[in-house]
Amino acid sequence: MADIEKILSELDAQEMSELLDGIDAQQDMLLSARIKQKALPQLTKEDSAPEVREKSIPRIFKIIPVAAALIIFIAGAVVAVSELASPQKEPETTTAVTTTQNKNSWRDNPLMLAISSGNESLIESLLTNTILLTEDVLTFAIDCADFLSYTVIQEIAKAVEKSFGTTGLDALLESTLLGDSEKALKELKERENMLMTPLEKLSFFFSAAFCDSEVISEFMEKGFDVSLKDASGKSIFEIAEKYGNEENVKAAEEGSK
């Protein structure tokens, strides 16, 4: 027994704990109790009982990693909640773009709303209010040319030009829409190649409504055919008839033969 006590006295606390765990079996209860009494006098009487509880040091080692993980999880959750709860400040550039878009939105402009509805009497009455005129009102009206009369689009063009000094349109489109035959003819002759883009075709239809026979003939020489129809399905003859320009279209057709 003296040898056992000598060996035990040379063990450190960790080694002693591991030893006690190893011999703490049902058949060695008495030996375990005696060794605990001699080697670890600091243990309580409860620890020396036949059914010895698990040691406090190993239990702490098991609890610490779990507790640390729990603390990290709670801290992360707190940070995430605080970020969600705090108001997010948007970049100034994004706010500026959004504000500009809202300002220029056609839904905010009664004149554009009237244009989109095709209410021509309301459009004409709103044109007298220069505050409603913006640089994009005319282009918006041209986009709606399939259900607006060319006369109303022309009135919008005149109002925009009066307010801003320019319509902002392509020179050929502007001159045919405003019925400026001299300028339109000059523009046509300067253009060697025409691709018959949607806007060039629209210029052709405007010329059938508002320009003289020379302009219409020049379009035909550039390859524009009398069989072309506008967005509403009207030919240049029907357009000319609607806007009282039949003679010019007939003269242009005769001259092209």
Protein backbone atom coordinates (compact mmCIF):
# COMPACT_ATOMS: atom_id res chain seq x y z
CA MET A 1 0.00 0.00 0.00
CA ALA A 2 2.94 2.28 0.76
CA ASP A 3 4.11 1.81 -2.86
CA ILE A 4 0.72 2.84 -4.16
CA GLU A 5 0.70 5.94 -1.99
CA LYS A 6 4.21 6.86 -3.26
CA ILE A 7 3.10 6.49 -6.86
CA LEU A 8 -0.01 8.51 -6.23
CA SER A 9 1.97 11.29 -4.54
CA GLU A 10 4.04 11.71 -7.73
CA LEU A 11 1.00 12.21 -9.97
CA ASP A 12 -0.19 15.67 -10.93
CA ALA A 13 -3.85 16.70 -10.73
CA GLN A 14 -4.68 15.79 -14.38
CA GLU A 15 -3.04 12.35 -14.11
CA MET A 16 -4.78 11.70 -10.82
CA SER A 17 -8.14 12.67 -12.36
CA GLU A 18 -7.63 10.28 -15.28
CA LEU A 19 -6.58 7.50 -12.87
CA LEU A 20 -9.61 7.95 -10.71
CA ASP A 21 -11.90 7.91 -13.75
CA GLY A 22 -10.33 4.63 -14.82
CA ILE A 23 -10.79 2.82 -11.50
CA ASP A 24 -14.13 4.33 -10.64
CA ALA A 25 -15.94 1.07 -11.44
CA GLN A 26 -18.60 -0.72 -9.45
CA GLN A 27 -16.25 -3.53 -8.28
CA ASP A 28 -13.58 -1.07 -7.12
CA MET A 29 -15.77 1.28 -5.13
CA LEU A 30 -13.94 0.71 -1.84
CA LEU A 31 -10.49 1.07 -3.41
CA SER A 32 -11.62 4.20 -5.22
CA ALA A 33 -12.88 5.71 -2.00
CA ARG A 34 -9.63 4.94 -0.15
CA ILE A 35 -7.45 6.38 -2.89
CA LYS A 36 -9.59 9.53 -3.07
CA GLN A 37 -9.39 9.94 0.68
CA LYS A 38 -5.58 9.73 0.75
CA ALA A 39 -4.65 11.40 -2.56
CA LEU A 40 -7.33 14.09 -2.72
CA PRO A 41 -8.15 15.13 0.83
CA GLN A 42 -9.81 18.27 -0.48
CA LEU A 43 -12.70 16.23 -1.88
CA THR A 44 -15.94 16.36 0.07
CA LYS A 45 -17.52 13.41 1.79
CA GLU A 46 -20.11 13.32 -0.97
CA ASP A 47 -17.35 12.80 -3.52
CA SER A 48 -16.06 9.80 -1.50
CA ALA A 49 -19.39 8.07 -1.50
CA PRO A 50 -19.72 4.68 -3.28
CA GLU A 51 -21.31 6.37 -6.30
CA VAL A 52 -18.80 9.13 -7.03
CA ARG A 53 -20.06 12.02 -9.22
CA GLU A 54 -18.25 13.19 -12.32
CA LYS A 55 -15.26 15.42 -11.53
CA SER A 56 -15.79 19.20 -11.72
CA ILE A 57 -12.70 19.93 -13.85
CA PRO A 58 -13.56 17.60 -16.76
CA ARG A 59 -17.15 18.87 -16.72
CA ILE A 60 -15.95 22.46 -17.04
CA PHE A 61 -13.80 21.48 -19.98
CA LYS A 62 -16.90 20.03 -21.66
CA ILE A 63 -19.07 23.06 -20.89
CA ILE A 64 -16.61 25.80 -22.01
CA PRO A 65 -16.68 25.02 -25.80
CA VAL A 66 -20.48 24.83 -25.79
CA ALA A 67 -20.76 28.08 -23.84
CA ALA A 68 -18.29 29.82 -26.16
CA ALA A 69 -20.18 28.70 -29.24
CA LEU A 70 -23.45 29.89 -27.69
CA ILE A 71 -21.95 33.30 -26.89
CA ILE A 72 -20.63 33.69 -30.46
CA PHE A 73 -24.03 32.75 -31.88
CA ILE A 74 -25.86 35.23 -29.63
CA ALA A 75 -23.37 38.00 -30.48
CA GLY A 76 -23.81 37.37 -34.20
CA ALA A 77 -27.58 37.41 -33.86
CA VAL A 78 -27.47 40.72 -31.96
CA VAL A 79 -25.30 42.32 -34.68
CA ALA A 80 -27.59 41.07 -37.44
CA VAL A 81 -30.73 42.35 -35.68
CA SER A 82 -29.12 45.74 -35.03
CA GLU A 83 -28.16 46.10 -38.71
CA LEU A 84 -31.69 45.29 -39.81
CA ALA A 85 -33.21 47.64 -37.27
CA SER A 86 -30.96 50.60 -38.11
CA PRO A 87 -32.15 52.82 -41.02
CA GLN A 88 -30.20 52.25 -44.22
CA LYS A 89 -28.90 55.41 -45.86
CA GLU A 90 -28.97 55.21 -49.63
CA PRO A 91 -26.15 56.71 -51.68
CA GLU A 92 -26.81 60.29 -52.71
CA THR A 93 -26.37 59.46 -56.38
CA THR A 94 -29.13 56.82 -56.27
CA THR A 95 -31.48 59.23 -54.55
CA ALA A 96 -30.77 61.91 -57.14
CA VAL A 97 -31.50 59.55 -60.04
CA THR A 98 -34.72 58.34 -58.44
CA THR A 99 -35.86 61.90 -57.79
CA THR A 100 -35.17 62.89 -61.41
CA GLN A 101 -37.02 59.87 -62.75
CA ASN A 102 -40.04 60.62 -60.56
CA LYS A 103 -39.96 64.26 -61.59
CA ASN A 104 -39.97 63.39 -65.29
CA SER A 105 -42.45 60.54 -65.02
CA TRP A 106 -45.30 60.95 -67.50
CA ARG A 107 -47.74 59.87 -64.79
CA ASP A 108 -46.91 63.06 -62.89
CA ASN A 109 -47.66 65.30 -65.86
CA PRO A 110 -51.36 65.93 -66.67
CA LEU A 111 -50.45 66.82 -70.27
CA MET A 112 -48.70 63.49 -70.78
CA LEU A 113 -51.61 61.70 -69.17
CA ALA A 114 -53.93 63.41 -71.65
CA ILE A 115 -51.62 62.39 -74.51
CA SER A 116 -51.53 58.77 -73.34
CA SER A 117 -55.33 58.70 -73.18
CA GLY A 118 -55.70 60.23 -76.66
CA ASN A 119 -57.95 62.98 -75.28
CA GLU A 120 -57.17 65.63 -77.90
CA SER A 121 -59.52 68.33 -76.61
CA LEU A 122 -57.89 68.07 -73.18
CA ILE A 123 -54.43 68.12 -74.77
CA GLU A 124 -55.20 71.35 -76.60
CA SER A 125 -56.50 73.02 -73.45
CA LEU A 126 -53.45 71.93 -71.41
CA LEU A 127 -50.99 73.20 -74.03
CA THR A 128 -51.75 76.74 -72.86
CA ASN A 129 -50.16 75.88 -69.50
CA THR A 130 -46.44 76.24 -70.18
CA ILE A 131 -45.54 74.70 -66.82
CA LEU A 132 -46.66 71.32 -68.16
CA LEU A 133 -44.43 71.57 -71.23
CA THR A 134 -41.20 69.61 -70.88
CA GLU A 135 -38.59 68.65 -73.44
CA ASP A 136 -39.84 65.07 -73.58
CA VAL A 137 -43.54 65.87 -74.07
CA LEU A 138 -43.14 66.01 -77.86
CA THR A 139 -41.19 62.75 -78.15
CA PHE A 140 -43.81 61.14 -75.94
CA ALA A 141 -46.55 62.39 -78.27
CA ILE A 142 -44.69 61.03 -81.31
CA ASP A 143 -44.51 57.64 -79.61
CA CYS A 144 -48.32 57.83 -79.38
CA ALA A 145 -48.72 58.75 -83.07
CA ASP A 146 -50.72 55.59 -83.77
CA PHE A 147 -53.75 57.00 -81.93
CA LEU A 148 -53.15 60.77 -82.01
CA SER A 149 -53.93 62.97 -84.99
CA TYR A 150 -50.95 64.53 -86.76
CA THR A 151 -52.54 67.93 -86.23
CA VAL A 152 -52.41 67.56 -82.44
CA ILE A 153 -48.79 66.36 -82.59
CA GLN A 154 -48.01 69.39 -84.73
CA GLU A 155 -49.62 71.70 -82.15
CA ILE A 156 -47.54 70.11 -79.40
CA ALA A 157 -44.39 70.62 -81.52
CA LYS A 158 -45.21 74.29 -82.02
CA ALA A 159 -45.83 74.79 -78.29
CA VAL A 160 -42.55 73.06 -77.34
CA GLU A 161 -40.59 75.07 -79.91
CA LYS A 162 -42.11 78.28 -78.61
CA SER A 163 -41.19 77.46 -75.00
CA PHE A 164 -37.69 76.02 -75.54
CA GLY A 165 -36.62 77.53 -78.86
CA THR A 166 -36.33 74.06 -80.39
CA THR A 167 -38.34 70.90 -80.70
CA GLY A 168 -35.33 68.70 -80.02
CA LEU A 169 -36.28 66.50 -82.98
CA ASP A 170 -34.26 65.34 -85.97
CA ALA A 171 -34.19 68.12 -88.56
CA LEU A 172 -36.10 66.15 -91.21
CA LEU A 173 -38.74 64.98 -88.77
CA GLU A 174 -39.15 68.49 -87.38
CA SER A 175 -39.46 70.19 -90.77
CA THR A 176 -42.03 67.73 -92.14
CA LEU A 177 -44.07 67.84 -88.93
CA LEU A 178 -44.12 71.65 -88.92
CA GLY A 179 -44.85 71.76 -92.65
CA ASP A 180 -41.62 73.58 -93.48
CA SER A 181 -41.32 72.26 -97.06
CA GLU A 182 -38.22 74.31 -97.94
CA LYS A 183 -36.22 72.98 -94.98
CA ALA A 184 -37.55 69.46 -95.48
CA LEU A 185 -36.53 69.42 -99.15
CA LYS A 186 -33.05 70.68 -98.26
CA GLU A 187 -32.64 67.94 -95.64
CA LEU A 188 -33.80 65.26 -98.07
CA LYS A 189 -31.38 66.30 -100.81
CA GLU A 190 -28.46 66.31 -98.37
CA ARG A 191 -29.17 62.71 -97.39
CA GLU A 192 -27.70 60.42 -100.00
CA ASN A 193 -28.73 57.21 -98.27
CA MET A 194 -31.93 56.70 -96.31
CA LEU A 195 -32.50 53.50 -94.36
CA MET A 196 -36.25 53.92 -94.02
CA THR A 197 -36.07 53.88 -90.25
CA PRO A 198 -39.34 54.32 -88.29
CA LEU A 199 -38.62 58.04 -87.85
CA GLU A 200 -37.81 58.51 -91.55
CA LYS A 201 -41.05 56.77 -92.45
CA LEU A 202 -42.91 59.01 -90.01
CA SER A 203 -41.33 62.01 -91.73
CA PHE A 204 -42.73 60.69 -95.01
CA PHE A 205 -46.22 60.43 -93.51
CA PHE A 206 -45.94 63.93 -92.00
CA SER A 207 -44.94 65.25 -95.43
CA ALA A 208 -48.06 63.67 -96.91
CA ALA A 209 -50.10 65.61 -94.37
CA PHE A 210 -48.33 68.98 -94.31
CA CYS A 211 -45.72 69.42 -97.10
CA ASP A 212 -45.86 70.30 -100.79
CA SER A 213 -45.50 67.94 -103.74
CA GLU A 214 -41.74 68.51 -104.15
CA VAL A 215 -41.01 67.09 -100.71
CA ILE A 216 -43.27 64.08 -101.25
CA SER A 217 -41.69 63.46 -104.67
CA GLU A 218 -38.20 63.60 -103.16
CA PHE A 219 -39.20 60.97 -100.62
CA MET A 220 -40.41 58.74 -103.44
CA GLU A 221 -37.15 59.23 -105.33
CA LYS A 222 -35.34 58.09 -102.20
CA GLY A 223 -37.30 54.83 -102.35
CA PHE A 224 -40.36 55.55 -100.22
CA ASP A 225 -43.33 53.79 -101.76
CA VAL A 226 -46.97 54.96 -101.84
CA SER A 227 -47.94 51.53 -100.47
CA LEU A 228 -46.36 52.33 -97.08
CA LYS A 229 -48.80 52.70 -94.20
CA ASP A 230 -48.44 54.48 -90.91
CA ALA A 231 -48.92 52.99 -87.42
CA SER A 232 -52.70 53.41 -87.65
CA GLY A 233 -52.77 51.57 -91.00
CA LYS A 234 -53.34 54.62 -93.24
CA SER A 235 -51.65 55.07 -96.61
CA ILE A 236 -50.27 58.43 -97.71
CA PHE A 237 -53.42 58.95 -99.81
CA GLU A 238 -55.65 58.47 -96.78
CA ILE A 239 -53.39 60.73 -94.74
CA ALA A 240 -53.46 63.40 -97.45
CA GLU A 241 -57.23 63.18 -97.66
CA LYS A 242 -57.62 63.51 -93.89
CA TYR A 243 -55.41 66.61 -93.72
CA GLY A 244 -56.51 68.25 -96.97
CA ASN A 245 -53.28 67.64 -98.88
CA GLU A 246 -54.59 65.38 -101.64
CA GLU A 247 -53.46 67.58 -104.55
CA ASN A 248 -49.84 67.54 -103.45
CA VAL A 249 -49.80 63.76 -103.04
CA LYS A 250 -51.41 63.26 -106.45
CA ALA A 251 -48.92 65.64 -108.04
CA ALA A 252 -46.06 63.79 -106.38
CA GLU A 253 -47.36 60.45 -107.58
CA GLU A 254 -47.75 61.73 -111.16
CA GLY A 255 -44.27 63.21 -111.10
CA SER A 256 -42.73 59.93 -109.96
CA LYS A 257 -44.14 57.97 -112.93
